[in-house]
Amino acid sequence: MGDINRDNEVIEIAEPPRFSFGERVVSRTIIRNDGTFNGEDVGKVLVNKGDIGFVRSIGTFLQQYYIYAVEWVDHGYQVGCRAKELMTLDNLPEDILAALGADKIAKLEALKTKSDEKVQ
């Protein structure tokens, strides 16, 4: 337990969860098995940066952080993730959309369409 990186100043659960059930998200980072994913070696890559998934449940860890169980479309399994590892596809703020520009918004819409097709 000594190597858990715990930010004592941050209490995420004092605020509402950042993501909601069913919300489409994208991985912001590579997510490796920290030993909590059964059947795979510790350190194995479970999710790649840019993979698309859906929030299936929301729990807490250490009475401090939200853990989002995300079902990853390309992999067919769920992985627990912290909010800092994820980015929404469904609820981007208007100022972010405006800053992205038309070309990047079109690419984002293509990602949404791709995730919808894989689920069906």
N, C-alpha and C. Protein backbone atom coordinates (compact mmCIF):
# COMPACT_ATOMS: atom_id res chain seq x y z
N MET A 1 0.82 -1.20 0.00
CA MET A 1 0.00 0.00 0.00
C MET A 1 0.86 1.26 0.00
N GLY A 2 2.14 1.13 0.21
CA GLY A 2 3.01 2.28 0.29
C GLY A 2 3.15 3.04 -1.00
N ASP A 3 2.89 2.39 -2.15
CA ASP A 3 3.09 3.08 -3.40
C ASP A 3 1.81 3.65 -4.01
N ILE A 4 0.73 3.76 -3.23
CA ILE A 4 -0.47 4.44 -3.71
C ILE A 4 -0.20 5.93 -3.69
N ASN A 5 -0.36 6.56 -4.84
CA ASN A 5 -0.14 7.99 -4.94
C ASN A 5 -1.42 8.69 -4.48
N ARG A 6 -1.40 9.17 -3.25
CA ARG A 6 -2.59 9.78 -2.67
C ARG A 6 -2.37 11.28 -2.49
N ASP A 7 -3.24 12.05 -3.10
CA ASP A 7 -3.19 13.50 -3.04
C ASP A 7 -4.06 13.94 -1.86
N ASN A 8 -3.47 14.18 -0.72
CA ASN A 8 -4.23 14.46 0.50
C ASN A 8 -5.06 15.74 0.43
N GLU A 9 -4.72 16.62 -0.47
CA GLU A 9 -5.44 17.89 -0.57
C GLU A 9 -6.71 17.78 -1.41
N VAL A 10 -6.85 16.73 -2.20
CA VAL A 10 -7.96 16.59 -3.11
C VAL A 10 -8.99 15.61 -2.54
N ILE A 11 -10.23 16.08 -2.38
CA ILE A 11 -11.34 15.23 -1.95
C ILE A 11 -12.41 15.35 -3.04
N GLU A 12 -12.30 14.50 -4.07
CA GLU A 12 -13.24 14.57 -5.20
C GLU A 12 -14.68 14.34 -4.77
N ILE A 13 -14.91 13.46 -3.79
CA ILE A 13 -16.28 13.09 -3.46
C ILE A 13 -17.03 14.20 -2.72
N ALA A 14 -16.35 15.30 -2.43
CA ALA A 14 -17.03 16.46 -1.86
C ALA A 14 -17.88 17.17 -2.92
N GLU A 15 -17.60 16.89 -4.19
CA GLU A 15 -18.33 17.46 -5.32
C GLU A 15 -19.09 16.34 -6.04
N PRO A 16 -20.06 16.68 -6.88
CA PRO A 16 -20.74 15.64 -7.67
C PRO A 16 -19.75 14.98 -8.64
N PRO A 17 -20.04 13.76 -9.08
CA PRO A 17 -19.17 13.10 -10.06
C PRO A 17 -19.05 13.93 -11.33
N ARG A 18 -17.90 13.86 -11.95
CA ARG A 18 -17.65 14.61 -13.19
C ARG A 18 -18.38 14.00 -14.39
N PHE A 19 -18.57 12.68 -14.37
CA PHE A 19 -19.23 11.99 -15.46
C PHE A 19 -20.49 11.31 -14.94
N SER A 20 -21.42 11.00 -15.85
CA SER A 20 -22.67 10.36 -15.44
C SER A 20 -22.80 9.00 -16.11
N PHE A 21 -23.78 8.21 -15.64
CA PHE A 21 -24.02 6.89 -16.19
C PHE A 21 -24.33 6.98 -17.68
N GLY A 22 -23.70 6.12 -18.47
CA GLY A 22 -23.95 6.09 -19.90
C GLY A 22 -23.20 7.12 -20.72
N GLU A 23 -22.51 8.02 -20.07
CA GLU A 23 -21.78 9.07 -20.79
C GLU A 23 -20.62 8.46 -21.57
N ARG A 24 -20.45 8.92 -22.81
CA ARG A 24 -19.32 8.46 -23.62
C ARG A 24 -18.07 9.22 -23.21
N VAL A 25 -16.99 8.48 -23.04
CA VAL A 25 -15.72 9.07 -22.63
C VAL A 25 -14.59 8.54 -23.51
N VAL A 26 -13.48 9.27 -23.51
CA VAL A 26 -12.27 8.89 -24.22
C VAL A 26 -11.14 8.83 -23.20
N SER A 27 -10.28 7.83 -23.35
CA SER A 27 -9.13 7.73 -22.46
C SER A 27 -8.11 8.82 -22.82
N ARG A 28 -7.68 9.56 -21.82
CA ARG A 28 -6.67 10.60 -22.02
C ARG A 28 -5.26 10.05 -21.92
N THR A 29 -5.14 8.84 -21.36
CA THR A 29 -3.83 8.23 -21.12
C THR A 29 -3.88 6.74 -21.41
N ILE A 30 -2.72 6.12 -21.41
CA ILE A 30 -2.65 4.65 -21.42
C ILE A 30 -2.96 4.20 -20.00
N ILE A 31 -3.85 3.22 -19.86
CA ILE A 31 -4.21 2.71 -18.54
C ILE A 31 -3.68 1.29 -18.43
N ARG A 32 -2.85 1.07 -17.42
CA ARG A 32 -2.23 -0.24 -17.19
C ARG A 32 -2.87 -0.91 -15.98
N ASN A 33 -2.76 -2.22 -15.93
CA ASN A 33 -3.27 -2.98 -14.80
C ASN A 33 -2.43 -2.68 -13.56
N ASP A 34 -3.08 -2.16 -12.53
CA ASP A 34 -2.40 -1.87 -11.27
C ASP A 34 -2.53 -3.04 -10.28
N GLY A 35 -3.04 -4.15 -10.78
CA GLY A 35 -3.24 -5.33 -9.94
C GLY A 35 -4.68 -5.57 -9.58
N THR A 36 -5.57 -4.65 -9.98
CA THR A 36 -6.99 -4.80 -9.65
C THR A 36 -7.80 -5.43 -10.78
N PHE A 37 -7.18 -5.66 -11.94
CA PHE A 37 -7.87 -6.30 -13.07
C PHE A 37 -7.44 -7.77 -13.08
N ASN A 38 -8.36 -8.65 -12.70
CA ASN A 38 -8.06 -10.07 -12.58
C ASN A 38 -7.76 -10.70 -13.93
N GLY A 39 -6.80 -11.64 -13.93
CA GLY A 39 -6.51 -12.41 -15.12
C GLY A 39 -5.45 -11.82 -16.02
N GLU A 40 -4.96 -10.64 -15.70
CA GLU A 40 -3.91 -10.01 -16.51
C GLU A 40 -2.74 -9.63 -15.61
N ASP A 41 -1.56 -9.60 -16.19
CA ASP A 41 -0.36 -9.25 -15.43
C ASP A 41 -0.38 -7.78 -15.02
N VAL A 42 0.21 -7.50 -13.87
CA VAL A 42 0.38 -6.11 -13.42
C VAL A 42 1.25 -5.40 -14.45
N GLY A 43 0.83 -4.22 -14.85
CA GLY A 43 1.57 -3.43 -15.81
C GLY A 43 1.11 -3.60 -17.25
N LYS A 44 0.28 -4.61 -17.52
CA LYS A 44 -0.22 -4.81 -18.88
C LYS A 44 -1.14 -3.66 -19.27
N VAL A 45 -1.01 -3.21 -20.51
CA VAL A 45 -1.86 -2.14 -21.03
C VAL A 45 -3.27 -2.69 -21.20
N LEU A 46 -4.24 -2.04 -20.54
CA LEU A 46 -5.64 -2.43 -20.64
C LEU A 46 -6.41 -1.53 -21.60
N VAL A 47 -6.03 -0.24 -21.61
CA VAL A 47 -6.73 0.77 -22.42
C VAL A 47 -5.67 1.69 -23.02
N ASN A 48 -5.81 1.97 -24.30
CA ASN A 48 -4.89 2.88 -24.97
C ASN A 48 -5.45 4.30 -24.99
N LYS A 49 -4.58 5.25 -25.09
CA LYS A 49 -4.98 6.65 -25.22
C LYS A 49 -5.87 6.78 -26.46
N GLY A 50 -7.05 7.41 -26.29
CA GLY A 50 -7.96 7.62 -27.40
C GLY A 50 -9.04 6.57 -27.52
N ASP A 51 -8.96 5.50 -26.72
CA ASP A 51 -10.02 4.49 -26.75
C ASP A 51 -11.33 5.08 -26.23
N ILE A 52 -12.45 4.61 -26.79
CA ILE A 52 -13.77 5.13 -26.46
C ILE A 52 -14.52 4.14 -25.60
N GLY A 53 -15.20 4.66 -24.57
CA GLY A 53 -15.99 3.79 -23.71
C GLY A 53 -17.20 4.51 -23.14
N PHE A 54 -17.95 3.78 -22.31
CA PHE A 54 -19.16 4.30 -21.68
C PHE A 54 -19.05 4.10 -20.18
N VAL A 55 -19.45 5.10 -19.40
CA VAL A 55 -19.47 4.97 -17.94
C VAL A 55 -20.63 4.04 -17.57
N ARG A 56 -20.30 2.95 -16.87
CA ARG A 56 -21.30 1.96 -16.48
C ARG A 56 -21.67 2.04 -15.01
N SER A 57 -20.75 2.47 -14.15
CA SER A 57 -21.07 2.67 -12.74
C SER A 57 -20.06 3.63 -12.14
N ILE A 58 -20.42 4.16 -10.98
CA ILE A 58 -19.56 5.12 -10.29
C ILE A 58 -19.43 4.68 -8.85
N GLY A 59 -18.19 4.51 -8.41
CA GLY A 59 -17.91 4.14 -7.02
C GLY A 59 -16.91 5.12 -6.43
N THR A 60 -16.40 4.79 -5.26
CA THR A 60 -15.39 5.64 -4.62
C THR A 60 -14.21 4.78 -4.18
N PHE A 61 -13.08 5.43 -3.94
CA PHE A 61 -11.86 4.78 -3.49
C PHE A 61 -11.24 5.64 -2.40
N LEU A 62 -10.90 5.01 -1.29
CA LEU A 62 -10.26 5.67 -0.16
C LEU A 62 -11.07 6.85 0.39
N GLN A 63 -12.37 6.81 0.22
CA GLN A 63 -13.26 7.90 0.65
C GLN A 63 -12.78 9.25 0.16
N GLN A 64 -12.16 9.24 -1.03
CA GLN A 64 -11.56 10.46 -1.55
C GLN A 64 -11.83 10.66 -3.04
N TYR A 65 -11.76 9.60 -3.83
CA TYR A 65 -11.85 9.70 -5.28
C TYR A 65 -13.06 8.96 -5.81
N TYR A 66 -13.60 9.45 -6.94
CA TYR A 66 -14.58 8.69 -7.70
C TYR A 66 -13.81 7.72 -8.60
N ILE A 67 -14.34 6.52 -8.72
CA ILE A 67 -13.83 5.54 -9.67
C ILE A 67 -14.97 5.24 -10.64
N TYR A 68 -14.71 5.45 -11.91
CA TYR A 68 -15.70 5.24 -12.95
C TYR A 68 -15.43 3.89 -13.62
N ALA A 69 -16.40 2.97 -13.54
CA ALA A 69 -16.28 1.71 -14.26
C ALA A 69 -16.68 2.00 -15.70
N VAL A 70 -15.70 1.92 -16.59
CA VAL A 70 -15.92 2.26 -17.99
C VAL A 70 -15.86 0.99 -18.82
N GLU A 71 -16.90 0.77 -19.63
CA GLU A 71 -16.89 -0.34 -20.58
C GLU A 71 -16.26 0.18 -21.86
N TRP A 72 -15.14 -0.43 -22.24
CA TRP A 72 -14.39 0.01 -23.41
C TRP A 72 -14.89 -0.71 -24.65
N VAL A 73 -15.36 0.04 -25.62
CA VAL A 73 -16.04 -0.46 -26.81
C VAL A 73 -15.17 -1.47 -27.57
N ASP A 74 -13.90 -1.15 -27.80
CA ASP A 74 -13.03 -2.02 -28.59
C ASP A 74 -12.60 -3.28 -27.84
N HIS A 75 -12.65 -3.25 -26.52
CA HIS A 75 -12.10 -4.35 -25.73
C HIS A 75 -13.17 -5.29 -25.16
N GLY A 76 -14.37 -4.77 -24.91
CA GLY A 76 -15.43 -5.60 -24.38
C GLY A 76 -15.33 -5.91 -22.90
N TYR A 77 -14.58 -5.11 -22.17
CA TYR A 77 -14.50 -5.28 -20.73
C TYR A 77 -14.53 -3.93 -20.03
N GLN A 78 -14.70 -3.98 -18.70
CA GLN A 78 -14.76 -2.76 -17.91
C GLN A 78 -13.47 -2.58 -17.12
N VAL A 79 -13.06 -1.33 -17.00
CA VAL A 79 -11.88 -0.97 -16.23
C VAL A 79 -12.24 0.22 -15.35
N GLY A 80 -11.83 0.19 -14.10
CA GLY A 80 -12.04 1.32 -13.20
C GLY A 80 -11.05 2.43 -13.51
N CYS A 81 -11.55 3.66 -13.64
CA CYS A 81 -10.71 4.79 -14.04
C CYS A 81 -10.97 5.99 -13.13
N ARG A 82 -9.95 6.80 -12.95
CA ARG A 82 -10.10 8.08 -12.27
C ARG A 82 -10.53 9.13 -13.29
N ALA A 83 -11.13 10.21 -12.82
CA ALA A 83 -11.60 11.28 -13.70
C ALA A 83 -10.47 11.88 -14.51
N LYS A 84 -9.28 11.99 -13.91
CA LYS A 84 -8.16 12.60 -14.63
C LYS A 84 -7.68 11.76 -15.81
N GLU A 85 -8.13 10.50 -15.89
CA GLU A 85 -7.75 9.62 -16.99
C GLU A 85 -8.74 9.67 -18.15
N LEU A 86 -9.85 10.41 -17.96
CA LEU A 86 -10.94 10.40 -18.93
C LEU A 86 -11.29 11.80 -19.42
N MET A 87 -11.93 11.84 -20.59
CA MET A 87 -12.47 13.09 -21.13
C MET A 87 -13.83 12.75 -21.74
N THR A 88 -14.79 13.61 -21.56
CA THR A 88 -16.14 13.38 -22.09
C THR A 88 -16.17 13.53 -23.60
N LEU A 89 -17.06 12.78 -24.23
CA LEU A 89 -17.38 12.99 -25.64
C LEU A 89 -18.74 13.64 -25.78
N ASP A 90 -19.56 13.52 -24.74
CA ASP A 90 -20.95 13.97 -24.82
C ASP A 90 -21.19 15.38 -24.32
N ASN A 91 -20.44 15.85 -23.38
CA ASN A 91 -20.79 17.10 -22.68
C ASN A 91 -19.65 18.12 -22.68
N LEU A 92 -19.06 18.35 -23.84
CA LEU A 92 -18.01 19.36 -23.90
C LEU A 92 -18.63 20.75 -23.75
N PRO A 93 -18.03 21.60 -22.93
CA PRO A 93 -18.56 22.96 -22.75
C PRO A 93 -18.49 23.76 -24.05
N GLU A 94 -19.39 24.72 -24.17
CA GLU A 94 -19.48 25.54 -25.38
C GLU A 94 -18.17 26.28 -25.68
N ASP A 95 -17.48 26.78 -24.64
CA ASP A 95 -16.23 27.51 -24.89
C ASP A 95 -15.15 26.58 -25.45
N ILE A 96 -15.15 25.32 -25.03
CA ILE A 96 -14.19 24.34 -25.57
C ILE A 96 -14.53 24.04 -27.03
N LEU A 97 -15.82 23.83 -27.32
CA LEU A 97 -16.24 23.58 -28.70
C LEU A 97 -15.87 24.75 -29.61
N ALA A 98 -16.07 25.97 -29.12
CA ALA A 98 -15.74 27.15 -29.92
C ALA A 98 -14.23 27.23 -30.19
N ALA A 99 -13.43 26.87 -29.21
CA ALA A 99 -11.97 26.93 -29.37
C ALA A 99 -11.45 25.82 -30.29
N LEU A 100 -12.18 24.72 -30.40
CA LEU A 100 -11.72 23.61 -31.23
C LEU A 100 -11.75 23.94 -32.72
N GLY A 101 -12.77 24.67 -33.15
CA GLY A 101 -12.90 24.97 -34.57
C GLY A 101 -13.67 23.88 -35.30
N ALA A 102 -14.12 24.20 -36.51
CA ALA A 102 -15.00 23.30 -37.27
C ALA A 102 -14.34 21.98 -37.63
N ASP A 103 -13.04 22.00 -37.98
CA ASP A 103 -12.35 20.78 -38.38
C ASP A 103 -12.28 19.77 -37.23
N LYS A 104 -11.91 20.24 -36.05
CA LYS A 104 -11.80 19.33 -34.91
C LYS A 104 -13.17 18.88 -34.41
N ILE A 105 -14.16 19.74 -34.53
CA ILE A 105 -15.53 19.34 -34.15
C ILE A 105 -16.01 18.22 -35.08
N ALA A 106 -15.69 18.31 -36.36
CA ALA A 106 -16.07 17.25 -37.31
C ALA A 106 -15.39 15.94 -36.94
N LYS A 107 -14.11 15.98 -36.53
CA LYS A 107 -13.41 14.77 -36.10
C LYS A 107 -14.05 14.19 -34.84
N LEU A 108 -14.46 15.06 -33.92
CA LEU A 108 -15.12 14.61 -32.70
C LEU A 108 -16.45 13.93 -33.03
N GLU A 109 -17.21 14.50 -33.94
CA GLU A 109 -18.48 13.89 -34.35
C GLU A 109 -18.24 12.52 -34.98
N ALA A 110 -17.14 12.40 -35.75
CA ALA A 110 -16.80 11.10 -36.35
C ALA A 110 -16.50 10.07 -35.26
N LEU A 111 -15.83 10.50 -34.18
CA LEU A 111 -15.56 9.60 -33.05
C LEU A 111 -16.86 9.15 -32.39
N LYS A 112 -17.79 10.07 -32.22
CA LYS A 112 -19.08 9.73 -31.62
C LYS A 112 -19.82 8.72 -32.49
N THR A 113 -19.80 8.95 -33.81
CA THR A 113 -20.47 8.04 -34.73
C THR A 113 -19.81 6.67 -34.68
N LYS A 114 -18.48 6.64 -34.64
CA LYS A 114 -17.74 5.37 -34.57
C LYS A 114 -18.13 4.59 -33.31
N SER A 115 -18.24 5.28 -32.18
CA SER A 115 -18.59 4.58 -30.93
C SER A 115 -20.04 4.07 -30.98
N ASP A 116 -20.93 4.82 -31.61
CA ASP A 116 -22.33 4.37 -31.74
C ASP A 116 -22.42 3.12 -32.61
N GLU A 117 -21.65 3.08 -33.71
CA GLU A 117 -21.68 1.93 -34.61
C GLU A 117 -21.14 0.68 -33.93
N LYS A 118 -20.11 0.80 -33.11
CA LYS A 118 -19.53 -0.37 -32.44
C LYS A 118 -20.45 -0.94 -31.38
N VAL A 119 -21.27 -0.12 -30.77
CA VAL A 119 -22.18 -0.58 -29.74
C VAL A 119 -23.35 -1.34 -30.35
N GLN A 120 -23.80 -0.95 -31.54
CA GLN A 120 -24.95 -1.58 -32.18
C GLN A 120 -24.66 -2.91 -32.74
